[in-house]
N, C-alpha and C. Protein backbone atom coordinates (compact mmCIF):
# COMPACT_ATOMS: atom_id res chain seq x y z
N MET A 1 -5.64 9.21 -1.68
CA MET A 1 -5.00 9.99 -0.66
C MET A 1 -4.10 9.07 0.18
N THR A 2 -2.92 9.53 0.49
CA THR A 2 -2.01 8.79 1.35
C THR A 2 -1.84 9.55 2.66
N ARG A 3 -1.97 8.83 3.74
CA ARG A 3 -1.87 9.44 5.07
C ARG A 3 -0.84 8.67 5.88
N LYS A 4 -0.09 9.37 6.71
CA LYS A 4 0.92 8.74 7.55
C LYS A 4 0.42 8.71 8.99
N LEU A 5 0.50 7.53 9.61
CA LEU A 5 0.06 7.36 11.00
C LEU A 5 1.09 6.56 11.78
N ASP A 6 1.25 6.92 13.04
CA ASP A 6 2.07 6.11 13.94
C ASP A 6 1.30 4.82 14.25
N VAL A 7 2.01 3.77 14.54
CA VAL A 7 1.38 2.47 14.79
C VAL A 7 0.34 2.56 15.91
N ASN A 8 0.58 3.37 16.92
CA ASN A 8 -0.39 3.50 18.00
C ASN A 8 -1.66 4.18 17.54
N GLN A 9 -1.56 5.20 16.67
CA GLN A 9 -2.74 5.84 16.10
C GLN A 9 -3.48 4.85 15.20
N ALA A 10 -2.73 4.08 14.41
CA ALA A 10 -3.33 3.13 13.48
C ALA A 10 -4.14 2.06 14.22
N ARG A 11 -3.67 1.64 15.36
CA ARG A 11 -4.40 0.63 16.15
C ARG A 11 -5.80 1.14 16.51
N VAL A 12 -5.88 2.40 16.86
CA VAL A 12 -7.15 2.98 17.31
C VAL A 12 -8.16 3.05 16.17
N VAL A 13 -7.72 3.35 14.99
CA VAL A 13 -8.63 3.57 13.85
C VAL A 13 -8.49 2.51 12.76
N PHE A 14 -7.97 1.35 13.12
CA PHE A 14 -7.68 0.32 12.11
C PHE A 14 -8.90 -0.06 11.28
N ASP A 15 -10.02 -0.30 11.92
CA ASP A 15 -11.23 -0.70 11.18
C ASP A 15 -11.63 0.37 10.17
N ALA A 16 -11.58 1.62 10.57
CA ALA A 16 -11.93 2.72 9.66
C ALA A 16 -10.92 2.80 8.52
N MET A 17 -9.65 2.58 8.83
CA MET A 17 -8.62 2.61 7.78
C MET A 17 -8.87 1.54 6.73
N VAL A 18 -9.21 0.34 7.17
CA VAL A 18 -9.48 -0.75 6.23
C VAL A 18 -10.67 -0.40 5.35
N GLY A 19 -11.73 0.14 5.96
CA GLY A 19 -12.90 0.54 5.18
C GLY A 19 -12.58 1.61 4.15
N GLU A 20 -11.81 2.60 4.54
CA GLU A 20 -11.45 3.67 3.60
C GLU A 20 -10.50 3.19 2.53
N ALA A 21 -9.62 2.27 2.87
CA ALA A 21 -8.73 1.70 1.86
C ALA A 21 -9.55 0.95 0.82
N TYR A 22 -10.55 0.24 1.28
CA TYR A 22 -11.40 -0.53 0.37
C TYR A 22 -12.32 0.36 -0.46
N ARG A 23 -13.04 1.27 0.20
CA ARG A 23 -14.05 2.08 -0.49
C ARG A 23 -13.47 3.27 -1.24
N LYS A 24 -12.52 3.97 -0.63
CA LYS A 24 -12.00 5.22 -1.22
C LYS A 24 -10.61 5.07 -1.82
N LEU A 25 -10.05 3.85 -1.75
CA LEU A 25 -8.70 3.57 -2.24
C LEU A 25 -7.64 4.43 -1.54
N ASN A 26 -7.91 4.79 -0.28
CA ASN A 26 -6.91 5.52 0.51
C ASN A 26 -5.75 4.59 0.84
N LYS A 27 -4.59 5.17 1.03
CA LYS A 27 -3.41 4.42 1.42
C LYS A 27 -2.88 5.01 2.72
N TYR A 28 -2.29 4.16 3.55
CA TYR A 28 -1.76 4.58 4.84
C TYR A 28 -0.34 4.07 5.00
N ILE A 29 0.56 4.95 5.37
CA ILE A 29 1.91 4.58 5.73
C ILE A 29 1.94 4.49 7.25
N ILE A 30 2.32 3.34 7.76
CA ILE A 30 2.36 3.12 9.20
C ILE A 30 3.81 3.28 9.65
N THR A 31 4.00 4.14 10.65
CA THR A 31 5.35 4.40 11.17
C THR A 31 5.47 3.90 12.60
N ASN A 32 6.70 3.69 13.00
CA ASN A 32 7.00 3.33 14.38
C ASN A 32 8.26 4.08 14.78
N HIS A 33 8.15 4.93 15.77
CA HIS A 33 9.26 5.79 16.18
C HIS A 33 9.77 6.63 15.01
N GLY A 34 8.83 7.09 14.18
CA GLY A 34 9.18 7.95 13.06
C GLY A 34 9.70 7.25 11.82
N LYS A 35 9.86 5.94 11.87
CA LYS A 35 10.38 5.19 10.72
C LYS A 35 9.24 4.47 10.00
N LYS A 36 9.23 4.55 8.68
CA LYS A 36 8.20 3.88 7.89
C LYS A 36 8.38 2.37 8.01
N LYS A 37 7.29 1.69 8.40
CA LYS A 37 7.35 0.25 8.64
C LYS A 37 6.43 -0.57 7.75
N ALA A 38 5.25 -0.02 7.36
CA ALA A 38 4.28 -0.80 6.61
C ALA A 38 3.35 0.12 5.84
N VAL A 39 2.60 -0.48 4.92
CA VAL A 39 1.61 0.26 4.14
C VAL A 39 0.30 -0.52 4.18
N LEU A 40 -0.79 0.20 4.32
CA LEU A 40 -2.12 -0.39 4.22
C LEU A 40 -2.77 0.18 2.98
N MET A 41 -3.23 -0.71 2.11
CA MET A 41 -3.90 -0.29 0.87
C MET A 41 -4.94 -1.34 0.52
N SER A 42 -5.82 -1.01 -0.41
CA SER A 42 -6.85 -1.97 -0.82
C SER A 42 -6.21 -3.17 -1.51
N PHE A 43 -6.84 -4.31 -1.37
CA PHE A 43 -6.34 -5.51 -2.03
C PHE A 43 -6.39 -5.35 -3.54
N LYS A 44 -7.40 -4.65 -4.03
CA LYS A 44 -7.54 -4.42 -5.47
C LYS A 44 -6.32 -3.65 -6.00
N GLU A 45 -5.90 -2.61 -5.28
CA GLU A 45 -4.72 -1.85 -5.70
C GLU A 45 -3.45 -2.68 -5.56
N TYR A 46 -3.38 -3.49 -4.53
CA TYR A 46 -2.23 -4.36 -4.33
C TYR A 46 -2.08 -5.33 -5.50
N GLU A 47 -3.18 -5.95 -5.90
CA GLU A 47 -3.13 -6.87 -7.05
C GLU A 47 -2.69 -6.14 -8.32
N ALA A 48 -3.21 -4.93 -8.54
CA ALA A 48 -2.84 -4.16 -9.73
C ALA A 48 -1.35 -3.81 -9.69
N LEU A 49 -0.84 -3.49 -8.52
CA LEU A 49 0.58 -3.18 -8.37
C LEU A 49 1.43 -4.40 -8.71
N LEU A 50 1.05 -5.56 -8.19
CA LEU A 50 1.79 -6.79 -8.49
C LEU A 50 1.77 -7.09 -9.98
N GLU A 51 0.61 -6.92 -10.60
CA GLU A 51 0.48 -7.17 -12.03
C GLU A 51 1.37 -6.21 -12.83
N SER A 52 1.38 -4.95 -12.45
CA SER A 52 2.23 -3.96 -13.13
C SER A 52 3.69 -4.32 -12.98
N MET A 53 4.08 -4.75 -11.80
CA MET A 53 5.47 -5.13 -11.57
C MET A 53 5.86 -6.34 -12.43
N GLU A 54 4.93 -7.28 -12.56
CA GLU A 54 5.18 -8.46 -13.37
C GLU A 54 5.33 -8.08 -14.84
N ILE A 55 4.46 -7.22 -15.33
CA ILE A 55 4.53 -6.77 -16.73
C ILE A 55 5.83 -6.02 -16.96
N PHE A 56 6.18 -5.13 -16.06
CA PHE A 56 7.42 -4.38 -16.19
C PHE A 56 8.62 -5.32 -16.21
N SER A 57 8.60 -6.32 -15.35
CA SER A 57 9.69 -7.29 -15.28
C SER A 57 9.81 -8.07 -16.59
N GLU A 58 8.67 -8.47 -17.15
CA GLU A 58 8.67 -9.20 -18.42
C GLU A 58 9.18 -8.32 -19.55
N ASP A 59 8.73 -7.06 -19.58
CA ASP A 59 9.18 -6.13 -20.62
C ASP A 59 10.68 -5.88 -20.51
N ARG A 60 11.15 -5.72 -19.31
CA ARG A 60 12.58 -5.46 -19.10
C ARG A 60 13.41 -6.68 -19.51
N ALA A 61 12.92 -7.87 -19.18
CA ALA A 61 13.63 -9.10 -19.55
C ALA A 61 13.69 -9.23 -21.07
N ALA A 62 12.62 -8.84 -21.77
CA ALA A 62 12.60 -8.91 -23.23
C ALA A 62 13.61 -7.95 -23.84
N VAL A 63 13.76 -6.78 -23.26
CA VAL A 63 14.71 -5.81 -23.76
C VAL A 63 16.14 -6.28 -23.57
N LEU A 64 16.38 -6.97 -22.48
CA LEU A 64 17.74 -7.42 -22.16
C LEU A 64 18.17 -8.64 -22.96
N ARG A 65 17.25 -9.28 -23.64
CA ARG A 65 17.60 -10.48 -24.44
C ARG A 65 18.32 -10.13 -25.69
């Protein structure tokens, strides 16, 4: 589940957000004055995203050769 929160709301519930990101793999988009500024997600999902990006980059480089 992805939820959008203003930075002031996020400050109040930060500890709970971290726990839910870790346990339930929830994601949070943090906004400031209505503009998207940051994302909070589990480290496990972050690592998987980086790995996927690396694999995609390698595959794309192989195609372009």
